[in-house]
Amino acid sequence: MPLCNGLKATVMIRRFLAEQAITMKQPYIVCLSSFTADGTRKKAIEAGMDYFQVKPIFKSGLQTILIKA
């Protein structure tokens, strides 16, 4: 069992970078999930993720993500 999930990890990364006043370009964080229940996308974006992609992911979907990054 992991110590934290992607949502918690994203919050930790964003908080750490903000506290350290790091001025580098922020990492582009993508949520890749098979769980599509109501509110899942909203929770990911609120946690600080930049994009939400539902599995399975196809080449065109990956291209879209990389272009946005």
Protein backbone atom coordinates (compact mmCIF):
# COMPACT_ATOMS: atom_id res chain seq x y z
CA MET A 1 0.00 0.00 0.00
CA PRO A 2 1.50 3.36 -0.96
CA LEU A 3 2.01 6.01 1.70
CA CYS A 4 0.00 8.55 -0.27
CA ASN A 5 -2.07 8.71 -3.42
CA GLY A 6 -1.61 10.97 -6.41
CA LEU A 7 -3.85 13.68 -4.98
CA LYS A 8 -1.86 13.90 -1.75
CA ALA A 9 1.45 13.73 -3.61
CA THR A 10 0.38 16.59 -5.89
CA VAL A 11 -0.62 18.76 -2.94
CA MET A 12 2.71 18.01 -1.26
CA ILE A 13 4.70 18.88 -4.40
CA ARG A 14 2.83 22.14 -4.99
CA ARG A 15 3.09 23.13 -1.32
CA PHE A 16 6.81 22.35 -1.16
CA LEU A 17 7.58 24.38 -4.27
CA ALA A 18 5.52 27.31 -2.98
CA GLU A 19 7.16 27.24 0.47
CA GLN A 20 10.65 27.14 -1.03
CA ALA A 21 9.76 30.02 -3.35
CA ILE A 22 11.15 28.00 -6.21
CA THR A 23 10.86 30.03 -9.38
CA MET A 24 11.52 27.22 -11.84
CA LYS A 25 8.77 26.14 -14.17
CA GLN A 26 6.28 24.08 -12.22
CA PRO A 27 6.06 20.39 -13.12
CA TYR A 28 3.10 19.45 -15.31
CA ILE A 29 1.17 16.87 -13.31
CA VAL A 30 -1.30 14.58 -15.06
CA CYS A 31 -3.90 12.41 -13.38
CA LEU A 32 -4.33 9.12 -15.22
CA SER A 33 -7.28 7.29 -13.70
CA SER A 34 -9.76 4.57 -14.48
CA PHE A 35 -12.06 6.00 -11.81
CA THR A 36 -14.56 8.37 -13.38
CA ALA A 37 -17.09 8.88 -10.62
CA ASP A 38 -18.61 12.31 -10.11
CA GLY A 39 -16.12 14.73 -8.67
CA THR A 40 -12.97 12.77 -9.48
CA ARG A 41 -11.79 15.23 -12.13
CA LYS A 42 -12.66 18.19 -9.89
CA LYS A 43 -10.68 16.73 -6.95
CA ALA A 44 -7.65 16.18 -9.18
CA ILE A 45 -7.70 19.75 -10.49
CA GLU A 46 -8.29 21.18 -7.01
CA ALA A 47 -5.29 19.20 -5.73
CA GLY A 48 -3.13 21.03 -8.27
CA MET A 49 -3.02 18.60 -11.16
CA ASP A 50 -2.88 20.20 -14.57
CA TYR A 51 -4.78 17.61 -16.58
CA PHE A 52 -7.11 14.66 -16.00
CA GLN A 53 -7.09 11.71 -18.39
CA VAL A 54 -9.33 8.67 -18.15
CA LYS A 55 -7.87 5.23 -18.90
CA PRO A 56 -7.35 3.66 -21.30
CA ILE A 57 -5.14 6.24 -22.92
CA PHE A 58 -4.51 6.16 -26.64
CA LYS A 59 -1.80 7.78 -28.73
CA SER A 60 -4.00 10.78 -29.57
CA GLY A 61 -4.77 11.33 -25.88
CA LEU A 62 -1.09 11.19 -24.98
CA GLN A 63 -0.29 13.65 -27.76
CA THR A 64 -2.91 16.06 -26.40
CA ILE A 65 -1.38 15.88 -22.93
CA LEU A 66 2.16 16.44 -24.20
CA ILE A 67 1.12 19.40 -26.35
CA LYS A 68 -0.59 21.05 -23.35
CA ALA A 69 2.50 20.47 -21.19
